[in-house]
Amino acid sequence: MFSAIGLMGIASLFMSSCSKSDTNGSVLPVAQDVSIQSMAFAPATVTVAEGTMITWKNKDAVDHTVTSNDGTSFSSGTITSLGTFSFTPMVAGSYAYHCSIHPAETGIVQVVIK
């Protein structure tokens, strides 16, 4: 009996550490991955809570960047094939971004208050 209760408690802690809820009760990821593949960001739009790390992974054979449209929020520099770039937004808002090498590649990071 004790071990079953203990396992339920551990499972509950694990599940709570895998996601966060925003102020509307929506469950948001603790970490978010974005693929750069086939000359596009996937998913193109992500919604995360403040303080959530976003990691872009270049799965193409060519170089890419992850560059905020405002020019100041974040900039990855060149991400080579199989390379990554991570950014942790700390302020709620909308961050539009693009690849400076391939400007048609665009995305949006929506950051909500925890």
N, C-alpha and C. Protein backbone atom coordinates (compact mmCIF):
# COMPACT_ATOMS: atom_id res chain seq x y z
N MET A 1 0.83 -1.19 0.00
CA MET A 1 0.00 0.00 0.00
C MET A 1 0.87 1.25 0.00
N PHE A 2 1.88 1.27 0.87
CA PHE A 2 2.75 2.45 0.94
C PHE A 2 3.46 2.70 -0.38
N SER A 3 3.96 1.65 -1.03
CA SER A 3 4.69 1.83 -2.27
C SER A 3 3.79 2.35 -3.38
N ALA A 4 2.53 1.94 -3.41
CA ALA A 4 1.61 2.44 -4.43
C ALA A 4 1.34 3.92 -4.22
N ILE A 5 1.18 4.34 -2.99
CA ILE A 5 0.97 5.76 -2.69
C ILE A 5 2.22 6.56 -3.04
N GLY A 6 3.38 6.01 -2.70
CA GLY A 6 4.63 6.68 -3.03
C GLY A 6 4.82 6.84 -4.52
N LEU A 7 4.49 5.79 -5.29
CA LEU A 7 4.61 5.87 -6.75
C LEU A 7 3.65 6.89 -7.33
N MET A 8 2.45 6.99 -6.77
CA MET A 8 1.49 7.98 -7.25
C MET A 8 2.02 9.39 -6.98
N GLY A 9 2.64 9.59 -5.83
CA GLY A 9 3.20 10.89 -5.51
C GLY A 9 4.35 11.26 -6.44
N ILE A 10 5.21 10.30 -6.71
CA ILE A 10 6.33 10.54 -7.62
C ILE A 10 5.81 10.84 -9.02
N ALA A 11 4.81 10.08 -9.48
CA ALA A 11 4.23 10.32 -10.81
C ALA A 11 3.62 11.71 -10.87
N SER A 12 2.95 12.12 -9.80
CA SER A 12 2.35 13.45 -9.76
C SER A 12 3.40 14.54 -9.86
N LEU A 13 4.50 14.38 -9.12
CA LEU A 13 5.58 15.36 -9.19
C LEU A 13 6.18 15.40 -10.58
N PHE A 14 6.38 14.24 -11.19
CA PHE A 14 6.96 14.19 -12.53
C PHE A 14 6.06 14.90 -13.52
N MET A 15 4.77 14.65 -13.47
CA MET A 15 3.84 15.27 -14.41
C MET A 15 3.80 16.78 -14.22
N SER A 16 3.87 17.26 -12.99
CA SER A 16 3.83 18.69 -12.76
C SER A 16 5.11 19.36 -13.23
N SER A 17 6.22 18.64 -13.28
CA SER A 17 7.47 19.25 -13.72
C SER A 17 7.59 19.27 -15.24
N CYS A 18 6.70 18.60 -15.95
CA CYS A 18 6.77 18.53 -17.41
C CYS A 18 5.97 19.61 -18.09
N SER A 19 5.17 20.36 -17.35
CA SER A 19 4.36 21.40 -17.97
C SER A 19 4.05 22.49 -16.97
N LYS A 20 3.61 23.62 -17.49
CA LYS A 20 3.18 24.75 -16.68
C LYS A 20 1.82 25.19 -17.18
N SER A 21 1.08 25.89 -16.36
CA SER A 21 -0.19 26.45 -16.80
C SER A 21 -0.05 27.96 -16.87
N ASP A 22 -0.65 28.56 -17.91
CA ASP A 22 -0.65 30.02 -17.97
C ASP A 22 -1.80 30.54 -17.13
N THR A 23 -2.02 31.85 -17.16
CA THR A 23 -3.06 32.45 -16.32
C THR A 23 -4.46 32.01 -16.72
N ASN A 24 -4.63 31.47 -17.93
CA ASN A 24 -5.93 30.97 -18.37
C ASN A 24 -6.11 29.49 -18.09
N GLY A 25 -5.11 28.85 -17.49
CA GLY A 25 -5.19 27.43 -17.18
C GLY A 25 -4.72 26.53 -18.30
N SER A 26 -4.25 27.11 -19.42
CA SER A 26 -3.74 26.29 -20.52
C SER A 26 -2.41 25.67 -20.11
N VAL A 27 -2.22 24.41 -20.44
CA VAL A 27 -0.97 23.73 -20.11
C VAL A 27 0.07 24.07 -21.17
N LEU A 28 1.22 24.55 -20.71
CA LEU A 28 2.31 24.94 -21.59
C LEU A 28 3.54 24.09 -21.30
N PRO A 29 4.39 23.86 -22.30
CA PRO A 29 5.58 23.04 -22.09
C PRO A 29 6.61 23.74 -21.19
N VAL A 30 7.43 22.95 -20.51
CA VAL A 30 8.53 23.49 -19.71
C VAL A 30 9.71 23.83 -20.63
N ALA A 31 9.84 23.10 -21.72
CA ALA A 31 10.85 23.37 -22.74
C ALA A 31 10.19 23.18 -24.09
N GLN A 32 10.66 23.90 -25.09
CA GLN A 32 10.04 23.83 -26.41
C GLN A 32 11.12 23.65 -27.46
N ASP A 33 10.96 22.67 -28.32
CA ASP A 33 11.88 22.47 -29.45
C ASP A 33 11.22 22.95 -30.73
N VAL A 34 12.03 23.57 -31.58
CA VAL A 34 11.60 24.00 -32.91
C VAL A 34 12.60 23.42 -33.90
N SER A 35 12.11 22.72 -34.91
CA SER A 35 12.98 22.18 -35.94
C SER A 35 13.15 23.20 -37.06
N ILE A 36 14.34 23.25 -37.61
CA ILE A 36 14.58 23.99 -38.84
C ILE A 36 14.81 22.92 -39.88
N GLN A 37 13.81 22.74 -40.74
CA GLN A 37 13.87 21.62 -41.68
C GLN A 37 13.06 21.96 -42.92
N SER A 38 13.57 21.55 -44.06
CA SER A 38 12.90 21.82 -45.34
C SER A 38 12.69 23.32 -45.53
N MET A 39 13.69 24.09 -45.09
CA MET A 39 13.69 25.54 -45.24
C MET A 39 12.52 26.22 -44.52
N ALA A 40 12.17 25.71 -43.33
CA ALA A 40 11.08 26.27 -42.54
C ALA A 40 11.29 25.97 -41.07
N PHE A 41 10.66 26.78 -40.21
CA PHE A 41 10.62 26.54 -38.77
C PHE A 41 9.37 25.71 -38.48
N ALA A 42 9.51 24.65 -37.68
CA ALA A 42 8.36 23.81 -37.36
C ALA A 42 8.39 23.45 -35.88
N PRO A 43 7.38 23.86 -35.12
CA PRO A 43 6.25 24.66 -35.57
C PRO A 43 6.65 26.12 -35.79
N ALA A 44 5.92 26.78 -36.67
CA ALA A 44 6.24 28.17 -37.00
C ALA A 44 5.86 29.11 -35.86
N THR A 45 4.85 28.76 -35.09
CA THR A 45 4.43 29.56 -33.95
C THR A 45 4.43 28.67 -32.71
N VAL A 46 5.08 29.16 -31.65
CA VAL A 46 5.07 28.45 -30.37
C VAL A 46 4.57 29.39 -29.30
N THR A 47 3.88 28.83 -28.32
CA THR A 47 3.41 29.58 -27.17
C THR A 47 4.01 28.95 -25.92
N VAL A 48 4.73 29.77 -25.15
CA VAL A 48 5.40 29.29 -23.95
C VAL A 48 5.19 30.28 -22.81
N ALA A 49 5.41 29.81 -21.59
CA ALA A 49 5.39 30.69 -20.42
C ALA A 49 6.74 31.38 -20.29
N GLU A 50 6.74 32.52 -19.63
CA GLU A 50 8.00 33.20 -19.33
C GLU A 50 8.97 32.22 -18.69
N GLY A 51 10.24 32.30 -19.07
CA GLY A 51 11.25 31.44 -18.47
C GLY A 51 11.36 30.06 -19.09
N THR A 52 10.64 29.80 -20.17
CA THR A 52 10.69 28.51 -20.85
C THR A 52 11.77 28.54 -21.92
N MET A 53 12.69 27.59 -21.87
CA MET A 53 13.75 27.54 -22.87
C MET A 53 13.22 26.99 -24.19
N ILE A 54 13.53 27.70 -25.26
CA ILE A 54 13.18 27.27 -26.61
C ILE A 54 14.50 26.91 -27.31
N THR A 55 14.54 25.74 -27.92
CA THR A 55 15.74 25.30 -28.63
C THR A 55 15.40 25.00 -30.08
N TRP A 56 16.09 25.69 -30.98
CA TRP A 56 15.96 25.45 -32.41
C TRP A 56 17.03 24.47 -32.82
N LYS A 57 16.65 23.46 -33.61
CA LYS A 57 17.58 22.44 -34.08
C LYS A 57 17.60 22.46 -35.60
N ASN A 58 18.78 22.71 -36.18
CA ASN A 58 18.92 22.75 -37.63
C ASN A 58 19.03 21.33 -38.17
N LYS A 59 17.98 20.87 -38.83
CA LYS A 59 17.97 19.53 -39.42
C LYS A 59 18.20 19.57 -40.93
N ASP A 60 18.48 20.75 -41.46
CA ASP A 60 18.81 20.91 -42.88
C ASP A 60 20.31 20.73 -43.09
N ALA A 61 20.70 20.56 -44.33
CA ALA A 61 22.11 20.44 -44.68
C ALA A 61 22.77 21.81 -44.89
N VAL A 62 21.98 22.87 -44.82
CA VAL A 62 22.50 24.23 -45.02
C VAL A 62 22.40 25.03 -43.72
N ASP A 63 23.16 26.12 -43.65
CA ASP A 63 23.16 26.98 -42.47
C ASP A 63 21.87 27.80 -42.40
N HIS A 64 21.49 28.17 -41.16
CA HIS A 64 20.34 29.02 -40.90
C HIS A 64 20.68 29.95 -39.74
N THR A 65 19.80 30.92 -39.49
CA THR A 65 19.87 31.73 -38.28
C THR A 65 18.47 31.80 -37.66
N VAL A 66 18.43 32.22 -36.41
CA VAL A 66 17.19 32.54 -35.72
C VAL A 66 17.40 33.96 -35.21
N THR A 67 16.76 34.92 -35.88
CA THR A 67 17.03 36.34 -35.63
C THR A 67 15.72 37.07 -35.37
N SER A 68 15.60 37.71 -34.20
CA SER A 68 14.38 38.44 -33.89
C SER A 68 14.21 39.60 -34.87
N ASN A 69 12.97 39.86 -35.25
CA ASN A 69 12.71 40.95 -36.19
C ASN A 69 13.07 42.31 -35.63
N ASP A 70 13.02 42.45 -34.29
CA ASP A 70 13.37 43.75 -33.70
C ASP A 70 14.88 43.97 -33.65
N GLY A 71 15.65 42.93 -33.96
CA GLY A 71 17.10 43.06 -34.02
C GLY A 71 17.81 43.07 -32.68
N THR A 72 17.06 42.98 -31.58
CA THR A 72 17.70 43.06 -30.26
C THR A 72 17.32 41.94 -29.30
N SER A 73 16.19 41.30 -29.48
CA SER A 73 15.72 40.31 -28.51
C SER A 73 16.57 39.05 -28.50
N PHE A 74 16.92 38.53 -29.67
CA PHE A 74 17.79 37.36 -29.77
C PHE A 74 18.34 37.23 -31.17
N SER A 75 19.51 36.64 -31.26
CA SER A 75 20.14 36.37 -32.54
C SER A 75 21.09 35.19 -32.36
N SER A 76 20.89 34.17 -33.15
CA SER A 76 21.66 32.95 -33.00
C SER A 76 23.04 33.00 -33.64
N GLY A 77 23.24 33.91 -34.58
CA GLY A 77 24.39 33.77 -35.44
C GLY A 77 24.14 32.58 -36.34
N THR A 78 25.14 32.11 -37.05
CA THR A 78 24.96 30.99 -37.96
C THR A 78 24.81 29.68 -37.20
N ILE A 79 23.77 28.94 -37.53
CA ILE A 79 23.56 27.60 -36.97
C ILE A 79 23.87 26.61 -38.10
N THR A 80 24.94 25.87 -37.94
CA THR A 80 25.32 24.90 -38.96
C THR A 80 24.42 23.68 -38.91
N SER A 81 24.52 22.84 -39.92
CA SER A 81 23.73 21.61 -39.97
C SER A 81 23.94 20.81 -38.69
N LEU A 82 22.84 20.37 -38.11
CA LEU A 82 22.78 19.62 -36.84
C LEU A 82 23.09 20.46 -35.61
N GLY A 83 23.29 21.76 -35.80
CA GLY A 83 23.55 22.66 -34.68
C GLY A 83 22.26 23.10 -34.00
N THR A 84 22.41 23.73 -32.83
CA THR A 84 21.26 24.21 -32.08
C THR A 84 21.49 25.64 -31.59
N PHE A 85 20.39 26.28 -31.24
CA PHE A 85 20.40 27.60 -30.60
C PHE A 85 19.27 27.61 -29.58
N SER A 86 19.54 28.11 -28.39
CA SER A 86 18.51 28.19 -27.35
C SER A 86 18.32 29.63 -26.89
N PHE A 87 17.09 29.95 -26.54
CA PHE A 87 16.71 31.27 -26.05
C PHE A 87 15.64 31.06 -24.98
N THR A 88 15.77 31.79 -23.87
CA THR A 88 14.80 31.71 -22.78
C THR A 88 14.18 33.09 -22.58
N PRO A 89 12.98 33.32 -23.12
CA PRO A 89 12.34 34.63 -22.95
C PRO A 89 11.87 34.82 -21.51
N MET A 90 12.15 35.99 -20.97
CA MET A 90 11.78 36.27 -19.59
C MET A 90 10.65 37.30 -19.48
N VAL A 91 10.23 37.86 -20.62
CA VAL A 91 9.21 38.91 -20.64
C VAL A 91 8.08 38.48 -21.57
N ALA A 92 6.85 38.59 -21.09
CA ALA A 92 5.69 38.23 -21.91
C ALA A 92 5.62 39.15 -23.13
N GLY A 93 5.16 38.59 -24.23
CA GLY A 93 5.00 39.37 -25.45
C GLY A 93 5.09 38.47 -26.67
N SER A 94 5.10 39.09 -27.83
CA SER A 94 5.19 38.37 -29.08
C SER A 94 6.52 38.69 -29.74
N TYR A 95 7.26 37.66 -30.10
CA TYR A 95 8.57 37.82 -30.71
C TYR A 95 8.53 37.22 -32.12
N ALA A 96 8.46 38.06 -33.13
CA ALA A 96 8.55 37.59 -34.51
C ALA A 96 10.02 37.41 -34.84
N TYR A 97 10.33 36.39 -35.65
CA TYR A 97 11.72 36.14 -36.01
C TYR A 97 11.81 35.58 -37.41
N HIS A 98 13.02 35.51 -37.92
CA HIS A 98 13.28 35.04 -39.28
C HIS A 98 14.68 34.46 -39.37
N CYS A 99 14.97 33.84 -40.49
CA CYS A 99 16.33 33.41 -40.81
C CYS A 99 16.94 34.51 -41.66
N SER A 100 18.05 35.09 -41.21
CA SER A 100 18.65 36.19 -41.96
C SER A 100 19.29 35.72 -43.27
N ILE A 101 19.55 34.42 -43.40
CA ILE A 101 20.10 33.86 -44.64
C ILE A 101 18.97 33.59 -45.63
N HIS A 102 17.82 33.17 -45.11
CA HIS A 102 16.65 32.83 -45.93
C HIS A 102 15.44 33.60 -45.37
N PRO A 103 15.27 34.87 -45.73
CA PRO A 103 14.25 35.73 -45.10
C PRO A 103 12.81 35.24 -45.22
N ALA A 104 12.53 34.32 -46.14
CA ALA A 104 11.17 33.79 -46.25
C ALA A 104 10.85 32.83 -45.10
N GLU A 105 11.86 32.37 -44.37
CA GLU A 105 11.65 31.50 -43.21
C GLU A 105 11.33 32.39 -42.02
N THR A 106 10.12 32.28 -41.51
CA THR A 106 9.69 33.14 -40.41
C THR A 106 9.01 32.32 -39.32
N GLY A 107 8.95 32.89 -38.14
CA GLY A 107 8.27 32.25 -37.02
C GLY A 107 7.87 33.27 -35.98
N ILE A 108 7.10 32.83 -35.00
CA ILE A 108 6.65 33.69 -33.90
C ILE A 108 6.75 32.91 -32.60
N VAL A 109 7.28 33.57 -31.58
CA VAL A 109 7.27 33.04 -30.22
C VAL A 109 6.30 33.90 -29.43
N GLN A 110 5.25 33.28 -28.91
CA GLN A 110 4.28 33.96 -28.04
C GLN A 110 4.64 33.59 -26.61
N VAL A 111 4.93 34.60 -25.79
CA VAL A 111 5.32 34.35 -24.40
C VAL A 111 4.23 34.90 -23.50
N VAL A 112 3.71 34.03 -22.64
CA VAL A 112 2.63 34.42 -21.74
C VAL A 112 3.13 34.44 -20.29
N ILE A 113 2.43 35.16 -19.44
CA ILE A 113 2.78 35.25 -18.03
C ILE A 113 2.49 33.91 -17.36
N LYS A 114 3.40 33.46 -16.51
CA LYS A 114 3.22 32.18 -15.80
C LYS A 114 1.97 32.22 -14.96
